[in-house]
Amino acid sequence: MAALVLRIKFPPTYPLIYKTLRVDANLTVKEAVLYIAETVNVTSLLKGEEGLYDENEGWLPVDTPLADFEQLQDAEYIEFKDPTAEPEKKENDDNNSCCIIL
């Protein structure tokens, strides 16, 4: 069994931010999503659309084995998220500031 060690970033609504896991490289992306959710005990938060997102490659196709993505070995992290979720708001977004300093 070939395995990948992945650092996974979770959405802000999850009870953890990052987790490093050893994942079977023969799993498809869809199977890996379920494995990750079960391993970190967040299956109750799944909505059914979650996937894996690499900032350089974009969304990873759900029916492709993880072993086919060579870039995962060198990725700083991959994101575990829902493609239909609202994008995260940036902390430095000036439109949401409450105060003006003169």
PDB file of N, CA and C in Angstrom:
ATOM      1  N   MET A   1       0.843  -1.181   0.000  1.00  0.00           N
ATOM      2  CA  MET A   1       0.000   0.000   0.000  1.00  0.00           C
ATOM      3  C   MET A   1       0.889   1.247   0.000  1.00  0.00           C
ATOM      4  N   ALA A   2       0.769   2.031  -1.037  1.00  0.00           N
ATOM      5  CA  ALA A   2       1.468   3.314  -1.092  1.00  0.00           C
ATOM      6  C   ALA A   2       0.646   4.335  -0.309  1.00  0.00           C
ATOM      7  N   ALA A   3       1.329   5.208   0.378  1.00  0.00           N
ATOM      8  CA  ALA A   3       0.615   6.202   1.184  1.00  0.00           C
ATOM      9  C   ALA A   3       1.181   7.588   0.925  1.00  0.00           C
ATOM     10  N   LEU A   4       0.325   8.565   1.084  1.00  0.00           N
ATOM     11  CA  LEU A   4       0.715   9.970   0.994  1.00  0.00           C
ATOM     12  C   LEU A   4       0.539  10.597   2.370  1.00  0.00           C
ATOM     13  N   VAL A   5       1.458  11.450   2.738  1.00  0.00           N
ATOM     14  CA  VAL A   5       1.297  12.239   3.957  1.00  0.00           C
ATOM     15  C   VAL A   5       0.841  13.618   3.508  1.00  0.00           C
ATOM     16  N   LEU A   6      -0.377  13.968   3.882  1.00  0.00           N
ATOM     17  CA  LEU A   6      -0.988  15.213   3.425  1.00  0.00           C
ATOM     18  C   LEU A   6      -1.300  16.130   4.594  1.00  0.00           C
ATOM     19  N   ARG A   7      -0.992  17.388   4.410  1.00  0.00           N
ATOM     20  CA  ARG A   7      -1.421  18.404   5.369  1.00  0.00           C
ATOM     21  C   ARG A   7      -2.712  18.981   4.802  1.00  0.00           C
ATOM     22  N   ILE A   8      -3.787  18.870   5.559  1.00  0.00           N
ATOM     23  CA  ILE A   8      -5.114  19.220   5.070  1.00  0.00           C
ATOM     24  C   ILE A   8      -5.630  20.438   5.819  1.00  0.00           C
ATOM     25  N   LYS A   9      -6.098  21.421   5.053  1.00  0.00           N
ATOM     26  CA  LYS A   9      -6.689  22.625   5.626  1.00  0.00           C
ATOM     27  C   LYS A   9      -8.207  22.476   5.562  1.00  0.00           C
ATOM     28  N   PHE A  10      -8.873  22.733   6.691  1.00  0.00           N
ATOM     29  CA  PHE A  10     -10.317  22.583   6.779  1.00  0.00           C
ATOM     30  C   PHE A  10     -11.017  23.940   6.744  1.00  0.00           C
ATOM     31  N   PRO A  11     -12.298  23.955   6.388  1.00  0.00           N
ATOM     32  CA  PRO A  11     -13.061  25.214   6.346  1.00  0.00           C
ATOM     33  C   PRO A  11     -13.176  25.832   7.741  1.00  0.00           C
ATOM     34  N   PRO A  12     -13.452  27.129   7.811  1.00  0.00           N
ATOM     35  CA  PRO A  12     -13.549  27.801   9.113  1.00  0.00           C
ATOM     36  C   PRO A  12     -14.696  27.295   9.986  1.00  0.00           C
ATOM     37  N   THR A  13     -15.674  26.623   9.411  1.00  0.00           N
ATOM     38  CA  THR A  13     -16.801  26.105  10.192  1.00  0.00           C
ATOM     39  C   THR A  13     -16.484  24.767  10.845  1.00  0.00           C
ATOM     40  N   TYR A  14     -15.318  24.208  10.586  1.00  0.00           N
ATOM     41  CA  TYR A  14     -14.936  22.923  11.171  1.00  0.00           C
ATOM     42  C   TYR A  14     -14.189  23.154  12.477  1.00  0.00           C
ATOM     43  N   PRO A  15     -14.185  22.151  13.380  1.00  0.00           N
ATOM     44  CA  PRO A  15     -13.556  22.333  14.695  1.00  0.00           C
ATOM     45  C   PRO A  15     -12.029  22.244  14.691  1.00  0.00           C
ATOM     46  N   LEU A  16     -11.412  22.112  13.525  1.00  0.00           N
ATOM     47  CA  LEU A  16      -9.959  22.104  13.437  1.00  0.00           C
ATOM     48  C   LEU A  16      -9.541  22.895  12.206  1.00  0.00           C
ATOM     49  N   ILE A  17      -8.311  23.346  12.199  1.00  0.00           N
ATOM     50  CA  ILE A  17      -7.836  24.178  11.093  1.00  0.00           C
ATOM     51  C   ILE A  17      -7.012  23.335  10.128  1.00  0.00           C
ATOM     52  N   TYR A  18      -5.969  22.687  10.621  1.00  0.00           N
ATOM     53  CA  TYR A  18      -5.105  21.834   9.808  1.00  0.00           C
ATOM     54  C   TYR A  18      -4.959  20.481  10.492  1.00  0.00           C
ATOM     55  N   LYS A  19      -4.729  19.464   9.685  1.00  0.00           N
ATOM     56  CA  LYS A  19      -4.439  18.135  10.217  1.00  0.00           C
ATOM     57  C   LYS A  19      -3.539  17.428   9.211  1.00  0.00           C
ATOM     58  N   THR A  20      -2.489  16.798   9.676  1.00  0.00           N
ATOM     59  CA  THR A  20      -1.614  16.010   8.816  1.00  0.00           C
ATOM     60  C   THR A  20      -2.009  14.550   8.964  1.00  0.00           C
ATOM     61  N   LEU A  21      -2.327  13.927   7.816  1.00  0.00           N
ATOM     62  CA  LEU A  21      -2.779  12.537   7.825  1.00  0.00           C
ATOM     63  C   LEU A  21      -2.017  11.711   6.800  1.00  0.00           C
ATOM     64  N   ARG A  22      -1.923  10.449   7.087  1.00  0.00           N
ATOM     65  CA  ARG A  22      -1.372   9.479   6.141  1.00  0.00           C
ATOM     66  C   ARG A  22      -2.565   8.856   5.430  1.00  0.00           C
ATOM     67  N   VAL A  23      -2.612   9.017   4.098  1.00  0.00           N
ATOM     68  CA  VAL A  23      -3.768   8.581   3.313  1.00  0.00           C
ATOM     69  C   VAL A  23      -3.292   7.609   2.232  1.00  0.00           C
ATOM     70  N   ASP A  24      -4.036   6.529   2.046  1.00  0.00           N
ATOM     71  CA  ASP A  24      -3.735   5.537   1.010  1.00  0.00           C
ATOM     72  C   ASP A  24      -3.778   6.211  -0.362  1.00  0.00           C
ATOM     73  N   ALA A  25      -2.698   6.143  -1.107  1.00  0.00           N
ATOM     74  CA  ALA A  25      -2.606   6.801  -2.411  1.00  0.00           C
ATOM     75  C   ALA A  25      -3.500   6.151  -3.461  1.00  0.00           C
ATOM     76  N   ASN A  26      -3.979   4.937  -3.199  1.00  0.00           N
ATOM     77  CA  ASN A  26      -4.850   4.250  -4.150  1.00  0.00           C
ATOM     78  C   ASN A  26      -6.313   4.668  -4.024  1.00  0.00           C
ATOM     79  N   LEU A  27      -6.650   5.429  -3.000  1.00  0.00           N
ATOM     80  CA  LEU A  27      -8.021   5.919  -2.844  1.00  0.00           C
ATOM     81  C   LEU A  27      -8.298   6.985  -3.898  1.00  0.00           C
ATOM     82  N   THR A  28      -9.542   7.014  -4.384  1.00  0.00           N
ATOM     83  CA  THR A  28      -9.938   8.118  -5.251  1.00  0.00           C
ATOM     84  C   THR A  28     -10.128   9.350  -4.382  1.00  0.00           C
ATOM     85  N   VAL A  29     -10.238  10.499  -4.996  1.00  0.00           N
ATOM     86  CA  VAL A  29     -10.452  11.736  -4.239  1.00  0.00           C
ATOM     87  C   VAL A  29     -11.727  11.625  -3.406  1.00  0.00           C
ATOM     88  N   LYS A  30     -12.781  11.093  -3.993  1.00  0.00           N
ATOM     89  CA  LYS A  30     -14.059  10.940  -3.281  1.00  0.00           C
ATOM     90  C   LYS A  30     -13.904  10.033  -2.060  1.00  0.00           C
ATOM     91  N   GLU A  31     -13.201   8.911  -2.224  1.00  0.00           N
ATOM     92  CA  GLU A  31     -12.962   7.995  -1.111  1.00  0.00           C
ATOM     93  C   GLU A  31     -12.068   8.641  -0.059  1.00  0.00           C
ATOM     94  N   ALA A  32     -11.096   9.427  -0.506  1.00  0.00           N
ATOM     95  CA  ALA A  32     -10.183  10.098   0.421  1.00  0.00           C
ATOM     96  C   ALA A  32     -10.930  11.123   1.266  1.00  0.00           C
ATOM     97  N   VAL A  33     -11.880  11.828   0.660  1.00  0.00           N
ATOM     98  CA  VAL A  33     -12.685  12.807   1.407  1.00  0.00           C
ATOM     99  C   VAL A  33     -13.428  12.110   2.541  1.00  0.00           C
ATOM    100  N   LEU A  34     -14.046  10.974   2.255  1.00  0.00           N
ATOM    101  CA  LEU A  34     -14.770  10.236   3.289  1.00  0.00           C
ATOM    102  C   LEU A  34     -13.821   9.703   4.349  1.00  0.00           C
ATOM    103  N   TYR A  35     -12.672   9.174   3.920  1.00  0.00           N
ATOM    104  CA  TYR A  35     -11.669   8.674   4.861  1.00  0.00           C
ATOM    105  C   TYR A  35     -11.198   9.784   5.798  1.00  0.00           C
ATOM    106  N   ILE A  36     -10.895  10.948   5.236  1.00  0.00           N
ATOM    107  CA  ILE A  36     -10.427  12.083   6.044  1.00  0.00           C
ATOM    108  C   ILE A  36     -11.504  12.491   7.042  1.00  0.00           C
ATOM    109  N   ALA A  37     -12.741  12.604   6.583  1.00  0.00           N
ATOM    110  CA  ALA A  37     -13.847  13.001   7.469  1.00  0.00           C
ATOM    111  C   ALA A  37     -14.029  12.008   8.608  1.00  0.00           C
ATOM    112  N   GLU A  38     -13.941  10.717   8.310  1.00  0.00           N
ATOM    113  CA  GLU A  38     -14.081   9.697   9.356  1.00  0.00           C
ATOM    114  C   GLU A  38     -12.913   9.738  10.325  1.00  0.00           C
ATOM    115  N   THR A  39     -11.706   9.945   9.806  1.00  0.00           N
ATOM    116  CA  THR A  39     -10.505   9.943  10.639  1.00  0.00           C
ATOM    117  C   THR A  39     -10.501  11.095  11.637  1.00  0.00           C
ATOM    118  N   VAL A  40     -10.955  12.271  11.215  1.00  0.00           N
ATOM    119  CA  VAL A  40     -10.958  13.433  12.115  1.00  0.00           C
ATOM    120  C   VAL A  40     -12.329  13.650  12.758  1.00  0.00           C
ATOM    121  N   ASN A  41     -13.229  12.690  12.556  1.00  0.00           N
ATOM    122  CA  ASN A  41     -14.541  12.675  13.212  1.00  0.00           C
ATOM    123  C   ASN A  41     -15.400  13.896  12.871  1.00  0.00           C
ATOM    124  N   VAL A  42     -15.505  14.209  11.573  1.00  0.00           N
ATOM    125  CA  VAL A  42     -16.355  15.321  11.142  1.00  0.00           C
ATOM    126  C   VAL A  42     -17.397  14.873  10.106  1.00  0.00           C
ATOM    127  N   THR A  43     -17.722  13.585  10.087  1.00  0.00           N
ATOM    128  CA  THR A  43     -18.687  13.093   9.097  1.00  0.00           C
ATOM    129  C   THR A  43     -20.051  13.768   9.247  1.00  0.00           C
ATOM    130  N   SER A  44     -20.390  14.202  10.446  1.00  0.00           N
ATOM    131  CA  SER A  44     -21.683  14.869  10.648  1.00  0.00           C
ATOM    132  C   SER A  44     -21.734  16.244   9.976  1.00  0.00           C
ATOM    133  N   LEU A  45     -20.575  16.802   9.632  1.00  0.00           N
ATOM    134  CA  LEU A  45     -20.524  18.113   8.981  1.00  0.00           C
ATOM    135  C   LEU A  45     -20.530  18.025   7.454  1.00  0.00           C
ATOM    136  N   LEU A  46     -20.421  16.809   6.921  1.00  0.00           N
ATOM    137  CA  LEU A  46     -20.383  16.647   5.468  1.00  0.00           C
ATOM    138  C   LEU A  46     -21.729  17.006   4.846  1.00  0.00           C
ATOM    139  N   LYS A  47     -21.658  17.683   3.705  1.00  0.00           N
ATOM    140  CA  LYS A  47     -22.864  18.061   2.965  1.00  0.00           C
ATOM    141  C   LYS A  47     -22.997  17.261   1.675  1.00  0.00           C
ATOM    142  N   GLY A  48     -21.977  16.478   1.331  1.00  0.00           N
ATOM    143  CA  GLY A  48     -22.019  15.640   0.151  1.00  0.00           C
ATOM    144  C   GLY A  48     -21.309  16.205  -1.063  1.00  0.00           C
ATOM    145  N   GLU A  49     -20.908  17.459  -1.003  1.00  0.00           N
ATOM    146  CA  GLU A  49     -20.234  18.095  -2.149  1.00  0.00           C
ATOM    147  C   GLU A  49     -18.744  18.320  -1.897  1.00  0.00           C
ATOM    148  N   GLU A  50     -18.239  17.947  -0.745  1.00  0.00           N
ATOM    149  CA  GLU A  50     -16.847  18.232  -0.386  1.00  0.00           C
ATOM    150  C   GLU A  50     -15.868  17.581  -1.360  1.00  0.00           C
ATOM    151  N   GLY A  51     -14.765  18.250  -1.528  1.00  0.00           N
ATOM    152  CA  GLY A  51     -13.713  17.745  -2.395  1.00  0.00           C
ATOM    153  C   GLY A  51     -12.368  18.231  -1.903  1.00  0.00           C
ATOM    154  N   LEU A  52     -11.340  17.955  -2.685  1.00  0.00           N
ATOM    155  CA  LEU A  52      -9.994  18.393  -2.351  1.00  0.00           C
ATOM    156  C   LEU A  52      -9.554  19.429  -3.368  1.00  0.00           C
ATOM    157  N   TYR A  53      -8.989  20.513  -2.863  1.00  0.00           N
ATOM    158  CA  TYR A  53      -8.589  21.640  -3.699  1.00  0.00           C
ATOM    159  C   TYR A  53      -7.113  21.909  -3.481  1.00  0.00           C
ATOM    160  N   ASP A  54      -6.367  21.958  -4.591  1.00  0.00           N
ATOM    161  CA  ASP A  54      -4.944  22.295  -4.545  1.00  0.00           C
ATOM    162  C   ASP A  54      -4.796  23.690  -5.144  1.00  0.00           C
ATOM    163  N   GLU A  55      -4.129  24.585  -4.455  1.00  0.00           N
ATOM    164  CA  GLU A  55      -4.050  25.977  -4.925  1.00  0.00           C
ATOM    165  C   GLU A  55      -3.368  26.116  -6.281  1.00  0.00           C
ATOM    166  N   ASN A  56      -2.531  25.154  -6.665  1.00  0.00           N
ATOM    167  CA  ASN A  56      -1.864  25.214  -7.974  1.00  0.00           C
ATOM    168  C   ASN A  56      -2.648  24.512  -9.079  1.00  0.00           C
ATOM    169  N   GLU A  57      -3.367  23.460  -8.731  1.00  0.00           N
ATOM    170  CA  GLU A  57      -4.069  22.647  -9.728  1.00  0.00           C
ATOM    171  C   GLU A  57      -5.580  22.863  -9.742  1.00  0.00           C
ATOM    172  N   GLY A  58      -6.125  23.483  -8.710  1.00  0.00           N
ATOM    173  CA  GLY A  58      -7.574  23.662  -8.621  1.00  0.00           C
ATOM    174  C   GLY A  58      -8.227  22.425  -8.014  1.00  0.00           C
ATOM    175  N   TRP A  59      -9.497  22.204  -8.356  1.00  0.00           N
ATOM    176  CA  TRP A  59     -10.247  21.072  -7.815  1.00  0.00           C
ATOM    177  C   TRP A  59      -9.713  19.773  -8.397  1.00  0.00           C
ATOM    178  N   LEU A  60      -9.482  18.784  -7.531  1.00  0.00           N
ATOM    179  CA  LEU A  60      -9.019  17.478  -7.983  1.00  0.00           C
ATOM    180  C   LEU A  60     -10.236  16.657  -8.401  1.00  0.00           C
ATOM    181  N   PRO A  61     -10.214  16.031  -9.601  1.00  0.00           N
ATOM    182  CA  PRO A  61     -11.353  15.230 -10.070  1.00  0.00           C
ATOM    183  C   PRO A  61     -11.670  14.090  -9.100  1.00  0.00           C
ATOM    184  N   VAL A  62     -12.952  13.924  -8.768  1.00  0.00           N
ATOM    185  CA  VAL A  62     -13.365  12.998  -7.705  1.00  0.00           C
ATOM    186  C   VAL A  62     -13.104  11.528  -7.990  1.00  0.00           C
ATOM    187  N   ASP A  63     -13.065  11.128  -9.240  1.00  0.00           N
ATOM    188  CA  ASP A  63     -12.894   9.706  -9.554  1.00  0.00           C
ATOM    189  C   ASP A  63     -11.451   9.310  -9.870  1.00  0.00           C
ATOM    190  N   THR A  64     -10.516  10.199  -9.600  1.00  0.00           N
ATOM    191  CA  THR A  64      -9.105   9.952  -9.899  1.00  0.00           C
ATOM    192  C   THR A  64      -8.367   9.547  -8.621  1.00  0.00           C
ATOM    193  N   PRO A  65      -7.539   8.488  -8.681  1.00  0.00           N
ATOM    194  CA  PRO A  65      -6.763   8.095  -7.498  1.00  0.00           C
ATOM    195  C   PRO A  65      -5.768   9.191  -7.099  1.00  0.00           C
ATOM    196  N   LEU A  66      -5.525   9.306  -5.814  1.00  0.00           N
ATOM    197  CA  LEU A  66      -4.577  10.306  -5.314  1.00  0.00           C
ATOM    198  C   LEU A  66      -3.182  10.093  -5.888  1.00  0.00           C
ATOM    199  N   ALA A  67      -2.831   8.852  -6.184  1.00  0.00           N
ATOM    200  CA  ALA A  67      -1.503   8.552  -6.723  1.00  0.00           C
ATOM    201  C   ALA A  67      -1.249   9.242  -8.059  1.00  0.00           C
ATOM    202  N   ASP A  68      -2.305   9.602  -8.782  1.00  0.00           N
ATOM    203  CA  ASP A  68      -2.147  10.268 -10.076  1.00  0.00           C
ATOM    204  C   ASP A  68      -1.756  11.736  -9.959  1.00  0.00           C
ATOM    205  N   PHE A  69      -1.799  12.282  -8.763  1.00  0.00           N
ATOM    206  CA  PHE A  69      -1.469  13.689  -8.549  1.00  0.00           C
ATOM    207  C   PHE A  69      -0.095  13.803  -7.907  1.00  0.00           C
ATOM    208  N   GLU A  70       0.947  13.844  -8.745  1.00  0.00           N
ATOM    209  CA  GLU A  70       2.314  13.908  -8.234  1.00  0.00           C
ATOM    210  C   GLU A  70       2.565  15.166  -7.411  1.00  0.00           C
ATOM    211  N   GLN A  71       1.846  16.257  -7.724  1.00  0.00           N
ATOM    212  CA  GLN A  71       2.061  17.525  -7.027  1.00  0.00           C
ATOM    213  C   GLN A  71       1.669  17.455  -5.550  1.00  0.00           C
ATOM    214  N   LEU A  72       0.896  16.456  -5.155  1.00  0.00           N
ATOM    215  CA  LEU A  72       0.486  16.358  -3.753  1.00  0.00           C
ATOM    216  C   LEU A  72       1.666  16.086  -2.832  1.00  0.00           C
ATOM    217  N   GLN A  73       2.690  15.427  -3.336  1.00  0.00           N
ATOM    218  CA  GLN A  73       3.878  15.147  -2.522  1.00  0.00           C
ATOM    219  C   GLN A  73       4.559  16.435  -2.077  1.00  0.00           C
ATOM    220  N   ASP A  74       4.537  17.448  -2.933  1.00  0.00           N
ATOM    221  CA  ASP A  74       5.251  18.690  -2.657  1.00  0.00           C
ATOM    222  C   ASP A  74       4.358  19.827  -2.178  1.00  0.00           C
ATOM    223  N   ALA A  75       3.050  19.608  -2.156  1.00  0.00           N
ATOM    224  CA  ALA A  75       2.126  20.675  -1.775  1.00  0.00           C
ATOM    225  C   ALA A  75       2.282  21.013  -0.289  1.00  0.00           C
ATOM    226  N   GLU A  76       2.240  22.293   0.020  1.00  0.00           N
ATOM    227  CA  GLU A  76       2.304  22.714   1.420  1.00  0.00           C
ATOM    228  C   GLU A  76       1.076  22.194   2.164  1.00  0.00           C
ATOM    229  N   TYR A  77      -0.082  22.303   1.518  1.00  0.00           N
ATOM    230  CA  TYR A  77      -1.327  21.752   2.057  1.00  0.00           C
ATOM    231  C   TYR A  77      -2.332  21.621   0.923  1.00  0.00           C
ATOM    232  N   ILE A  78      -3.376  20.825   1.170  1.00  0.00           N
ATOM    233  CA  ILE A  78      -4.520  20.784   0.269  1.00  0.00           C
ATOM    234  C   ILE A  78      -5.741  21.163   1.094  1.00  0.00           C
ATOM    235  N   GLU A  79      -6.739  21.699   0.428  1.00  0.00           N
ATOM    236  CA  GLU A  79      -7.935  22.142   1.139  1.00  0.00           C
ATOM    237  C   GLU A  79      -9.047  21.119   1.014  1.00  0.00           C
ATOM    238  N   PHE A  80      -9.700  20.862   2.119  1.00  0.00           N
ATOM    239  CA  PHE A  80     -10.866  19.993   2.213  1.00  0.00           C
ATOM    240  C   PHE A  80     -12.033  20.959   2.322  1.00  0.00           C
ATOM    241  N   LYS A  81     -12.821  21.092   1.238  1.00  0.00           N
ATOM    242  CA  LYS A  81     -13.891  22.080   1.294  1.00  0.00           C
ATOM    243  C   LYS A  81     -15.006  21.756   0.314  1.00  0.00           C
ATOM    244  N   ASP A  82     -16.072  22.519   0.436  1.00  0.00           N
ATOM    245  CA  ASP A  82     -17.265  22.382  -0.394  1.00  0.00           C
ATOM    246  C   ASP A  82     -17.182  23.416  -1.513  1.00  0.00           C
ATOM    247  N   PRO A  83     -17.238  22.983  -2.777  1.00  0.00           N
ATOM    248  CA  PRO A  83     -17.137  23.957  -3.875  1.00  0.00           C
ATOM    249  C   PRO A  83     -18.318  24.915  -3.957  1.00  0.00           C
ATOM    250  N   THR A  84     -19.428  24.577  -3.310  1.00  0.00           N
ATOM    251  CA  THR A  84     -20.601  25.454  -3.349  1.00  0.00           C
ATOM    252  C   THR A  84     -20.651  26.416  -2.164  1.00  0.00           C
ATOM    253  N   ALA A  85     -19.699  26.290  -1.238  1.00  0.00           N
ATOM    254  CA  ALA A  85     -19.682  27.164  -0.058  1.00  0.00           C
ATOM    255  C   ALA A  85     -19.259  28.583  -0.450  1.00  0.00           C
ATOM    256  N   GLU A  86     -19.683  29.530   0.367  1.00  0.00           N
ATOM    257  CA  GLU A  86     -19.284  30.918   0.144  1.00  0.00           C
ATOM    258  C   GLU A  86     -17.778  31.039   0.342  1.00  0.00           C
ATOM    259  N   PRO A  87     -17.121  31.867  -0.485  1.00  0.00           N
ATOM    260  CA  PRO A  87     -15.675  32.054  -0.306  1.00  0.00           C
ATOM    261  C   PRO A  87     -15.374  32.694   1.046  1.00  0.00           C
ATOM    262  N   GLU A  88     -14.195  32.358   1.569  1.00  0.00           N
ATOM    263  CA  GLU A  88     -13.774  32.940   2.848  1.00  0.00           C
ATOM    264  C   GLU A  88     -13.537  34.428   2.680  1.00  0.00           C
ATOM    265  N   LYS A  89     -13.916  35.183   3.692  1.00  0.00           N
ATOM    266  CA  LYS A  89     -13.647  36.623   3.671  1.00  0.00           C
ATOM    267  C   LYS A  89     -12.231  36.855   4.156  1.00  0.00           C
ATOM    268  N   LYS A  90     -11.539  37.745   3.507  1.00  0.00           N
ATOM    269  CA  LYS A  90     -10.167  38.088   3.877  1.00  0.00           C
ATOM    270  C   LYS A  90     -10.181  38.964   5.124  1.00  0.00           C
ATOM    271  N   GLU A  91      -9.202  38.772   5.991  1.00  0.00           N
ATOM    272  CA  GLU A  91      -9.118  39.561   7.214  1.00  0.00           C
ATOM    273  C   GLU A  91      -8.852  41.029   6.929  1.00  0.00           C
ATOM    274  N   ASN A  92      -8.152  41.315   5.862  1.00  0.00           N
ATOM    275  CA  ASN A  92      -7.787  42.692   5.562  1.00  0.00           C
ATOM    276  C   ASN A  92      -8.785  43.363   4.626  1.00  0.00           C
ATOM    277  N   ASP A  93     -10.004  42.866   4.562  1.00  0.00           N
ATOM    278  CA  ASP A  93     -11.042  43.455   3.723  1.00  0.00           C
ATOM    279  C   ASP A  93     -11.530  44.751   4.375  1.00  0.00           C
ATOM    280  N   ASP A  94     -11.149  45.893   3.797  1.00  0.00           N
ATOM    281  CA  ASP A  94     -11.457  47.187   4.385  1.00  0.00           C
ATOM    282  C   ASP A  94     -12.944  47.524   4.347  1.00  0.00           C
ATOM    283  N   ASN A  95     -13.707  46.872   3.529  1.00  0.00           N
ATOM    284  CA  ASN A  95     -15.137  47.168   3.434  1.00  0.00           C
ATOM    285  C   ASN A  95     -15.894  46.774   4.690  1.00  0.00           C
ATOM    286  N   ASN A  96     -15.325  45.914   5.503  1.00  0.00           N
ATOM    287  CA  ASN A  96     -16.009  45.447   6.710  1.00  0.00           C
ATOM    288  C   ASN A  96     -15.445  46.063   7.979  1.00  0.00           C
ATOM    289  N   SER A  97     -14.620  47.087   7.868  1.00  0.00           N
ATOM    290  CA  SER A  97     -14.022  47.665   9.061  1.00  0.00           C
ATOM    291  C   SER A  97     -15.059  48.492   9.813  1.00  0.00           C
ATOM    292  N   CYS A  98     -14.883  48.573  11.101  1.00  0.00           N
ATOM    293  CA  CYS A  98     -15.848  49.280  11.922  1.00  0.00           C
ATOM    294  C   CYS A  98     -15.377  50.683  12.287  1.00  0.00           C
ATOM    295  N   CYS A  99     -14.114  50.942  12.102  1.00  0.00           N
ATOM    296  CA  CYS A  99     -13.589  52.208  12.571  1.00  0.00           C
ATOM    297  C   CYS A  99     -12.717  52.881  11.511  1.00  0.00           C
ATOM    298  N   ILE A 100     -12.678  54.194  11.581  1.00  0.00           N
ATOM    299  CA  ILE A 100     -11.799  54.962  10.699  1.00  0.00           C
ATOM    300  C   ILE A 100     -10.824  55.719  11.587  1.00  0.00           C
ATOM    301  N   ILE A 101      -9.553  55.537  11.307  1.00  0.00           N
ATOM    302  CA  ILE A 101      -8.529  56.231  12.096  1.00  0.00           C
ATOM    303  C   ILE A 101      -8.035  57.394  11.258  1.00  0.00           C
ATOM    304  N   LEU A 102      -8.130  58.592  11.832  1.00  0.00           N
ATOM    305  CA  LEU A 102      -7.695  59.803  11.137  1.00  0.00           C
ATOM    306  C   LEU A 102      -6.360  60.265  11.613  1.00  0.00           C
TER     307      LEU A 102
END
